[in-house]
Structure formats: structure tokens, C-alpha cells
Amino acid sequence: MSIDLSLIWAAIIGFGVIMYVLMDGFDLGLGILFPFAPDEESRDVMMNSVAPVWDGNETWLVLGGAGLLGAFPLVYSVFLPALYIGVFLMLAGLIFRGISFEFRFKSKKNRRWWNRAFCWGSAIATFAQGAVVGAYIQGFAVEDFRYVGGALDWLTPFTILTGLGLMAGYALLGSTWLILKSEGHVQQWAYRITPKLLLAVLVVFGIVSLWTPLVSPEVRDRWMNQIHLIWFFPILAMVCAGALYRAVKRQQEGLPFVATLGLFIFTYLGLIASKWPVIVPPNYTIWDAASAPESQLFLLVGVLFVIPIVLAYTAWTYWVFRGKVKVGEGYH
């Protein structure tokens, strides 16, 4: 029996994407929350809570992007022309966020500027990611695997909403991560803002769910024809939202972050179920965009060797730097 390498690669890339969203999302969320922190000590705690792990988290973004290029190269012939500006904004934001990590702790005189760089870099990168996801949902103008739309077709009211929605989602990840990693007045501040962020996420989630069938007929047909499967994921996402709200009200520390991860996972699975197996909307599948089986097999050998190593050192890093981050203490 032959093995469908395209399915294996789709699973690997999907895994890489969700790992990046979950593991880099909370430190981007902390950057979004940075201006609203109670004081400079709180900002120190926020940054110190992710300083040991933030750069390793971005490994998953590199893995997903490189795997997509190697396994489904035709996707790039559409995505890059369609999303040049959005991808550039994302990378620029990530660069500013990364630089601010290193220089904020060293600078005293200009620390406020590095605070702004951390905030704006995180916000721009997150908004761009959300807008790109929205552009994927609404589809691209494609003829013979060639993008024929304009440079700003990706920026519409719908994608602006998805961009703002992801900002709220990452901020929610950040606040629940802070509940897990902080204590005292910093943790209490995180407890106070989390219900508000959850409400914002649920409002955007509801609007996007109502709007998506209007911008994507393919998704509307999928939702109507497979309602017993598709709506399973939103129900689980709402269960996670309810668990998050109760955990925050009870001042639990670990469950809010875990429930937020579940909220993201089930939303992500719902998106995949709505589009599968289309990889370039509106109608090009993973098999249409796949590279030669020989190329996929050659790359697969290396990736299957690398992924366990990445998982191992990621788990080790989080284990070493487990526990609370206290005011006045930190990785730097």
C-alpha cells in the first residue's frame, strides 16, 4: 500500500503552525498588554517570564514555513504575491520585538522607547498574522496557480476583524500565561483583565462565524453539509471558554492557561475542517500544490529527525525555567 506523503506533510506543517501559535502567541500577547501593565516592575516580570523561551518558540514558524516551501512549493507562487505586505509587516514586527528583548534590559535612559518597540512589534506581527488568516479564509484571485489580484486585496474589513481578533486572542494567552508565571499584584492584575479579554475574543469569534459564510461560499457549503462534524469544534471551544471563566473566578493558576490553549486548538481545528483539503482557496488542494514524491520523501527524512530534537530541547527549556518569576528576579 502506497503512503500519501502529501497527507504526512500536511500534518507536519499543521502541527508546526499550531505549535507556533500556542508557544509564541503568549509572548506576543504580553507585548500587546505591555502598555497597560500597572508599573515598570510588572513589565519586567512580563518580559522575564518569556525571556528564556521566546526565541526557541519561533523555531516552529521556521519549520512550518520551510516545510511548506519544500512540500507544497506552488503555494508560495500564490501566497507571496498575494501577501507580500502582510508577511513583511509580520516579519518586521517580529524583528522589532526580538531587538527590544535584548536592548530593553541594557538600556536605562531610553527604556521607554524599547517598551514601545516591544509593544508595537508584537501588535503589528499579531495583526498581520490574523489578517493573513482572514485572507486565507476569504480566498485569493487565482488562475492556473498564479495570483491575479492586487497587492492590497488581502486587506479587507473581514481581515481587519480577524487581525484584531487574533490580537485579543494572543493578549488572552498572555494574561493567562502571566497568571501561571507571576504572583502578587502582577498576578492580580492578570486575573482582572482576563475576563475582559475573553469577552472580546468571544465577541470577535461570534462575528467572524457569522461573517465567514458570506465571504466564502465554499465554507458555507461545508458548514451546511457537514454540520454534525464542523460544529463539534466550536462547541468544544466554548466549553474551554467556560472552563477558563470559572477558573479565573476561582483564582486558579494553571487551568486558565490550559483552557486558553484548548480554545485556540479547537478553533484551529475548526478552521482546518472548514477548508480541508484546500490549501490555496478557493479550490486548489494539497495534491494540486504538492512537489514531487521524491522531493517530499527526501525532506521528510530530515524533518522526522529534527522534530524530536526540537520537542526535546523545548520541553527541557520549559522544565528548567518552570516556576514563578518574582519582582526583581529574572533570566537577564
Protein backbone atom coordinates (compact mmCIF):
# COMPACT_ATOMS: atom_id res chain seq x y z
CA MET A 1 0.00 0.00 0.00
CA SER A 2 1.45 3.36 -1.04
CA ILE A 3 1.89 6.13 1.51
CA ASP A 4 0.42 9.54 0.73
CA LEU A 5 3.35 11.82 1.52
CA SER A 6 1.23 14.92 0.93
CA LEU A 7 -1.01 13.94 3.84
CA ILE A 8 2.00 13.39 6.08
CA TRP A 9 3.45 16.77 5.13
CA ALA A 10 0.11 18.50 5.66
CA ALA A 11 0.02 17.02 9.17
CA ILE A 12 3.60 18.11 9.90
CA ILE A 13 3.03 21.67 8.68
CA GLY A 14 -0.27 21.89 10.54
CA PHE A 15 1.46 20.70 13.70
CA GLY A 16 4.23 23.26 13.24
CA VAL A 17 1.71 26.08 12.78
CA ILE A 18 -0.33 25.27 15.87
CA MET A 19 2.84 24.83 17.94
CA TYR A 20 3.98 28.28 16.85
CA VAL A 21 0.60 29.86 17.61
CA LEU A 22 0.44 28.31 21.07
CA MET A 23 4.06 28.83 22.06
CA ASP A 24 4.79 32.23 20.52
CA GLY A 25 1.27 33.57 20.98
CA PHE A 26 1.56 34.23 24.70
CA ASP A 27 4.76 36.28 24.45
CA LEU A 28 3.28 38.31 21.58
CA GLY A 29 0.26 38.73 23.82
CA LEU A 30 2.43 40.04 26.63
CA GLY A 31 3.81 42.63 24.22
CA ILE A 32 0.28 43.72 23.33
CA LEU A 33 -0.51 44.08 27.05
CA PHE A 34 2.72 45.92 27.80
CA PRO A 35 1.32 49.49 27.78
CA PHE A 36 -1.47 48.50 30.16
CA ALA A 37 0.77 46.97 32.84
CA PRO A 38 0.45 48.62 36.28
CA ASP A 39 4.10 49.68 36.54
CA GLU A 40 7.62 49.13 35.25
CA GLU A 41 8.22 46.27 37.69
CA SER A 42 5.25 44.47 36.20
CA ARG A 43 6.73 44.92 32.73
CA ASP A 44 10.00 43.44 33.97
CA VAL A 45 8.13 40.38 35.25
CA MET A 46 6.20 40.04 31.98
CA MET A 47 9.35 40.11 29.90
CA ASN A 48 11.35 37.89 32.26
CA SER A 49 8.61 35.26 32.17
CA VAL A 50 9.26 34.61 28.47
CA ALA A 51 12.89 35.71 28.05
CA PRO A 52 14.32 32.16 28.31
CA VAL A 53 11.93 30.64 25.76
CA TRP A 54 10.72 33.26 23.26
CA ASP A 55 13.40 32.76 20.60
CA GLY A 56 13.09 28.96 20.72
CA ASN A 57 9.33 29.26 20.22
CA GLU A 58 9.89 30.82 16.79
CA THR A 59 11.59 27.60 15.63
CA TRP A 60 8.12 26.33 14.80
CA LEU A 61 7.46 29.26 12.48
CA VAL A 62 10.65 28.46 10.57
CA LEU A 63 9.77 24.77 10.46
CA GLY A 64 6.27 25.42 9.12
CA GLY A 65 7.44 27.93 6.52
CA ALA A 66 10.35 25.80 5.29
CA GLY A 67 8.22 22.66 5.20
CA LEU A 68 5.54 24.46 3.21
CA LEU A 69 8.12 25.59 0.64
CA GLY A 70 9.63 22.13 0.30
CA ALA A 71 6.44 20.05 0.26
CA PHE A 72 3.99 22.44 -1.43
CA PRO A 73 6.10 24.91 -3.46
CA LEU A 74 3.21 26.03 -5.64
CA VAL A 75 1.58 27.55 -2.56
CA TYR A 76 4.35 30.15 -2.48
CA SER A 77 3.60 31.18 -6.07
CA VAL A 78 0.21 32.37 -4.82
CA PHE A 79 0.74 33.29 -1.18
CA LEU A 80 3.80 35.50 -1.57
CA PRO A 81 2.43 37.78 -4.34
CA ALA A 82 -0.91 37.93 -2.54
CA LEU A 83 0.50 38.51 0.95
CA TYR A 84 3.81 40.31 0.42
CA ILE A 85 2.83 43.31 2.52
CA GLY A 86 1.21 41.26 5.28
CA VAL A 87 4.18 38.90 5.56
CA PHE A 88 6.63 41.83 5.53
CA LEU A 89 4.72 43.53 8.35
CA MET A 90 4.74 40.31 10.36
CA LEU A 91 8.50 39.82 9.96
CA ALA A 92 9.22 43.49 10.69
CA GLY A 93 7.15 43.27 13.86
CA LEU A 94 8.94 40.10 14.97
CA ILE A 95 12.31 41.76 14.35
CA PHE A 96 11.41 44.81 16.45
CA ARG A 97 10.03 42.55 19.17
CA GLY A 98 13.24 40.49 19.19
CA ILE A 99 15.55 43.51 19.31
CA SER A 100 13.59 45.04 22.17
CA PHE A 101 14.02 41.84 24.19
CA GLU A 102 17.78 42.26 24.15
CA PHE A 103 18.10 46.03 24.45
CA ARG A 104 15.38 46.88 26.96
CA PHE A 105 17.27 45.25 29.84
CA LYS A 106 20.50 47.04 28.89
CA SER A 107 19.02 50.49 28.40
CA LYS A 108 18.06 52.81 31.24
CA LYS A 109 17.84 56.19 29.55
CA ASN A 110 15.81 55.01 26.53
CA ARG A 111 13.89 52.15 28.11
CA ARG A 112 10.52 53.73 27.26
CA TRP A 113 11.39 53.52 23.55
CA TRP A 114 12.21 49.84 23.85
CA ASN A 115 8.91 49.36 25.70
CA ARG A 116 7.17 50.90 22.70
CA ALA A 117 9.19 48.78 20.26
CA PHE A 118 8.20 45.63 22.15
CA CYS A 119 4.55 46.64 22.18
CA TRP A 120 4.28 47.82 18.59
CA GLY A 121 6.38 44.97 17.22
CA SER A 122 4.17 42.42 18.97
CA ALA A 123 0.94 44.18 17.94
CA ILE A 124 1.93 44.58 14.27
CA ALA A 125 3.16 40.99 13.97
CA THR A 126 -0.02 39.65 15.57
CA PHE A 127 -2.35 41.80 13.48
CA ALA A 128 -0.54 40.75 10.30
CA GLN A 129 -0.86 37.07 11.23
CA GLY A 130 -4.57 37.45 11.89
CA ALA A 131 -5.12 39.35 8.65
CA VAL A 132 -3.27 36.66 6.70
CA VAL A 133 -5.54 34.02 8.24
CA GLY A 134 -8.56 36.10 7.26
CA ALA A 135 -7.23 36.39 3.70
CA TYR A 136 -6.87 32.61 3.58
CA ILE A 137 -10.47 32.20 4.70
CA GLN A 138 -11.88 34.60 2.11
CA GLY A 139 -9.70 33.18 -0.68
CA PHE A 140 -7.47 34.55 -3.44
CA ALA A 141 -7.92 35.54 -7.08
CA VAL A 142 -6.06 32.65 -8.73
CA GLU A 143 -5.77 31.46 -12.33
CA ASP A 144 -3.63 28.41 -13.19
CA PHE A 145 -1.87 28.67 -9.82
CA ARG A 146 -0.98 32.29 -10.48
CA TYR A 147 -2.17 35.16 -8.33
CA VAL A 148 -4.01 37.74 -10.42
CA GLY A 149 -5.29 40.04 -7.67
CA GLY A 150 -3.96 43.31 -6.29
CA ALA A 151 -1.32 43.99 -3.66
CA LEU A 152 -3.91 45.09 -1.08
CA ASP A 153 -6.63 42.53 -1.77
CA TRP A 154 -5.66 40.82 1.48
CA LEU A 155 -6.67 43.88 3.49
CA THR A 156 -10.47 43.99 3.76
CA PRO A 157 -12.90 44.72 6.61
CA PHE A 158 -13.07 40.97 7.24
CA THR A 159 -9.29 40.54 7.51
CA ILE A 160 -9.02 43.63 9.70
CA LEU A 161 -11.51 41.98 12.06
CA THR A 162 -9.56 38.71 12.10
CA GLY A 163 -6.37 40.67 12.74
CA LEU A 164 -7.91 42.47 15.71
CA GLY A 165 -9.42 39.20 16.89
CA LEU A 166 -6.05 37.47 16.95
CA MET A 167 -4.63 40.41 18.89
CA ALA A 168 -7.32 39.86 21.53
CA GLY A 169 -6.64 36.12 21.46
CA TYR A 170 -2.90 36.47 21.93
CA ALA A 171 -3.48 39.01 24.69
CA LEU A 172 -5.70 36.41 26.38
CA LEU A 173 -2.91 33.84 26.06
CA GLY A 174 -0.52 36.39 27.53
CA SER A 175 -2.71 37.23 30.52
CA THR A 176 -3.30 33.56 31.40
CA TRP A 177 0.42 32.84 30.99
CA LEU A 178 1.07 35.71 33.42
CA ILE A 179 -1.38 34.18 35.90
CA LEU A 180 0.64 30.97 35.71
CA LYS A 181 4.09 32.57 35.99
CA SER A 182 3.62 35.59 38.29
CA GLU A 183 2.43 36.35 41.81
CA GLY A 184 1.29 39.25 43.93
CA HIS A 185 -0.05 42.43 42.32
CA VAL A 186 1.08 41.35 38.83
CA GLN A 187 -0.95 38.16 39.03
CA GLN A 188 -3.98 40.01 40.41
CA TRP A 189 -3.84 42.44 37.52
CA ALA A 190 -3.78 39.49 35.10
CA TYR A 191 -6.81 37.98 36.88
CA ARG A 192 -8.71 41.27 36.43
CA ILE A 193 -8.08 41.71 32.71
CA THR A 194 -8.57 38.08 31.64
CA PRO A 195 -12.42 38.06 31.71
CA LYS A 196 -12.48 41.25 29.62
CA LEU A 197 -10.12 39.75 27.06
CA LEU A 198 -12.17 36.54 26.98
CA LEU A 199 -15.30 38.58 26.26
CA ALA A 200 -13.53 40.40 23.42
CA VAL A 201 -12.36 37.09 21.93
CA LEU A 202 -15.84 35.57 22.10
CA VAL A 203 -17.44 38.64 20.50
CA VAL A 204 -14.98 38.54 17.60
CA PHE A 205 -15.40 34.76 17.36
CA GLY A 206 -19.15 35.19 17.00
CA ILE A 207 -18.91 37.96 14.40
CA VAL A 208 -16.35 36.03 12.33
CA SER A 209 -18.52 32.90 12.48
CA LEU A 210 -21.49 34.85 11.10
CA TRP A 211 -19.40 36.71 8.52
CA THR A 212 -17.37 33.76 7.17
CA PRO A 213 -20.21 32.14 5.17
CA LEU A 214 -20.74 35.49 3.44
CA VAL A 215 -17.11 35.86 2.28
CA SER A 216 -16.51 32.17 1.49
CA PRO A 217 -19.28 30.19 -0.23
CA GLU A 218 -17.10 27.06 -0.02
CA VAL A 219 -17.00 27.28 3.77
CA ARG A 220 -20.74 27.94 3.90
CA ASP A 221 -21.43 24.80 1.89
CA ARG A 222 -19.07 22.77 4.08
CA TRP A 223 -20.73 24.02 7.25
CA MET A 224 -24.19 23.20 5.98
CA ASN A 225 -23.35 19.79 4.51
CA GLN A 226 -21.23 18.52 7.42
CA ILE A 227 -22.84 20.31 10.32
CA HIS A 228 -22.56 17.28 12.60
CA LEU A 229 -18.73 17.40 12.35
CA ILE A 230 -17.91 21.06 11.79
CA TRP A 231 -19.87 22.39 14.75
CA PHE A 232 -18.23 19.89 17.10
CA PHE A 233 -15.12 22.09 17.32
CA PRO A 234 -16.87 25.38 18.17
CA ILE A 235 -18.79 23.58 20.92
CA LEU A 236 -15.53 22.29 22.42
CA ALA A 237 -14.05 25.79 22.10
CA MET A 238 -16.96 27.22 24.07
CA VAL A 239 -16.50 24.52 26.73
CA CYS A 240 -12.89 25.69 27.08
CA ALA A 241 -14.08 29.30 27.33
CA GLY A 242 -16.47 28.34 30.13
CA ALA A 243 -13.73 26.44 31.94
CA LEU A 244 -11.44 29.46 31.61
CA TYR A 245 -14.01 31.84 33.07
CA ARG A 246 -14.73 29.59 36.06
CA ALA A 247 -11.02 29.00 36.70
CA VAL A 248 -10.32 32.75 36.77
CA LYS A 249 -13.22 33.40 39.13
CA ARG A 250 -11.83 30.72 41.46
CA GLN A 251 -8.34 32.23 41.20
CA GLN A 252 -6.84 29.01 39.87
CA GLU A 253 -3.37 29.36 38.36
CA GLY A 254 -2.74 26.58 35.83
CA LEU A 255 -6.18 25.86 34.39
CA PRO A 256 -6.76 29.31 32.79
CA PHE A 257 -3.72 28.91 30.55
CA VAL A 258 -4.58 25.29 29.68
CA ALA A 259 -8.18 26.25 28.85
CA THR A 260 -6.96 29.10 26.62
CA LEU A 261 -4.70 26.65 24.77
CA GLY A 262 -7.74 24.42 24.25
CA LEU A 263 -9.74 27.39 22.96
CA PHE A 264 -7.07 28.04 20.32
CA ILE A 265 -6.63 24.37 19.40
CA PHE A 266 -10.31 23.72 18.75
CA THR A 267 -10.71 26.99 16.82
CA TYR A 268 -7.71 25.99 14.68
CA LEU A 269 -9.13 22.51 14.08
CA GLY A 270 -12.44 24.07 13.10
CA LEU A 271 -10.65 26.21 10.51
CA ILE A 272 -8.89 23.15 9.09
CA ALA A 273 -12.14 21.20 8.96
CA SER A 274 -13.80 24.10 7.14
CA LYS A 275 -11.13 24.21 4.42
CA TRP A 276 -9.71 20.69 4.14
CA PRO A 277 -8.16 19.60 1.79
CA VAL A 278 -7.96 23.03 0.10
CA ILE A 279 -4.59 24.69 0.63
CA VAL A 280 -4.97 27.59 -1.83
CA PRO A 281 -8.55 28.87 -1.73
CA PRO A 282 -10.91 28.68 -3.36
CA ASN A 283 -10.28 25.22 -4.89
CA TYR A 284 -6.64 24.07 -5.08
CA THR A 285 -5.94 21.08 -2.82
CA ILE A 286 -2.76 19.84 -1.17
CA TRP A 287 -2.31 17.32 -4.00
CA ASP A 288 -2.53 20.07 -6.62
CA ALA A 289 0.22 22.05 -4.88
CA ALA A 290 2.49 19.15 -3.89
CA SER A 291 6.09 18.77 -5.01
CA ALA A 292 7.41 15.52 -6.48
CA PRO A 293 7.11 12.50 -4.14
CA GLU A 294 10.88 12.04 -4.32
CA SER A 295 11.41 15.58 -3.02
CA GLN A 296 8.86 15.13 -0.26
CA LEU A 297 10.46 11.85 0.85
CA PHE A 298 13.97 13.35 0.86
CA LEU A 299 12.86 16.27 3.05
CA LEU A 300 10.74 14.05 5.27
CA VAL A 301 13.75 12.04 6.44
CA GLY A 302 15.44 15.20 7.73
CA VAL A 303 12.31 16.65 9.31
CA LEU A 304 11.47 13.45 11.18
CA PHE A 305 14.99 13.57 12.61
CA VAL A 306 14.78 17.24 13.61
CA ILE A 307 11.30 17.38 15.17
CA PRO A 308 12.05 15.06 18.13
CA ILE A 309 15.17 17.13 18.89
CA VAL A 310 13.19 20.38 18.80
CA LEU A 311 10.49 18.88 21.03
CA ALA A 312 13.11 17.59 23.46
CA TYR A 313 15.02 20.84 23.91
CA THR A 314 11.76 22.82 24.06
CA ALA A 315 10.43 20.60 26.85
CA TRP A 316 13.78 20.80 28.66
CA THR A 317 13.83 24.59 28.45
CA TYR A 318 10.34 24.94 29.91
CA TRP A 319 11.22 22.44 32.63
CA VAL A 320 14.41 24.26 33.62
CA PHE A 321 12.66 27.64 33.78
CA ARG A 322 9.49 26.40 35.45
CA GLY A 323 8.10 28.15 38.50
CA LYS A 324 7.22 31.73 39.35
CA VAL A 325 9.01 34.85 38.17
CA LYS A 326 9.38 37.25 41.06
CA VAL A 327 9.77 41.03 41.03
CA GLY A 328 13.44 41.91 40.88
CA GLU A 329 14.45 38.48 39.61
CA GLY A 330 14.66 37.14 36.10
CA TYR A 331 16.54 35.40 33.35
CA HIS A 332 18.50 38.51 32.41
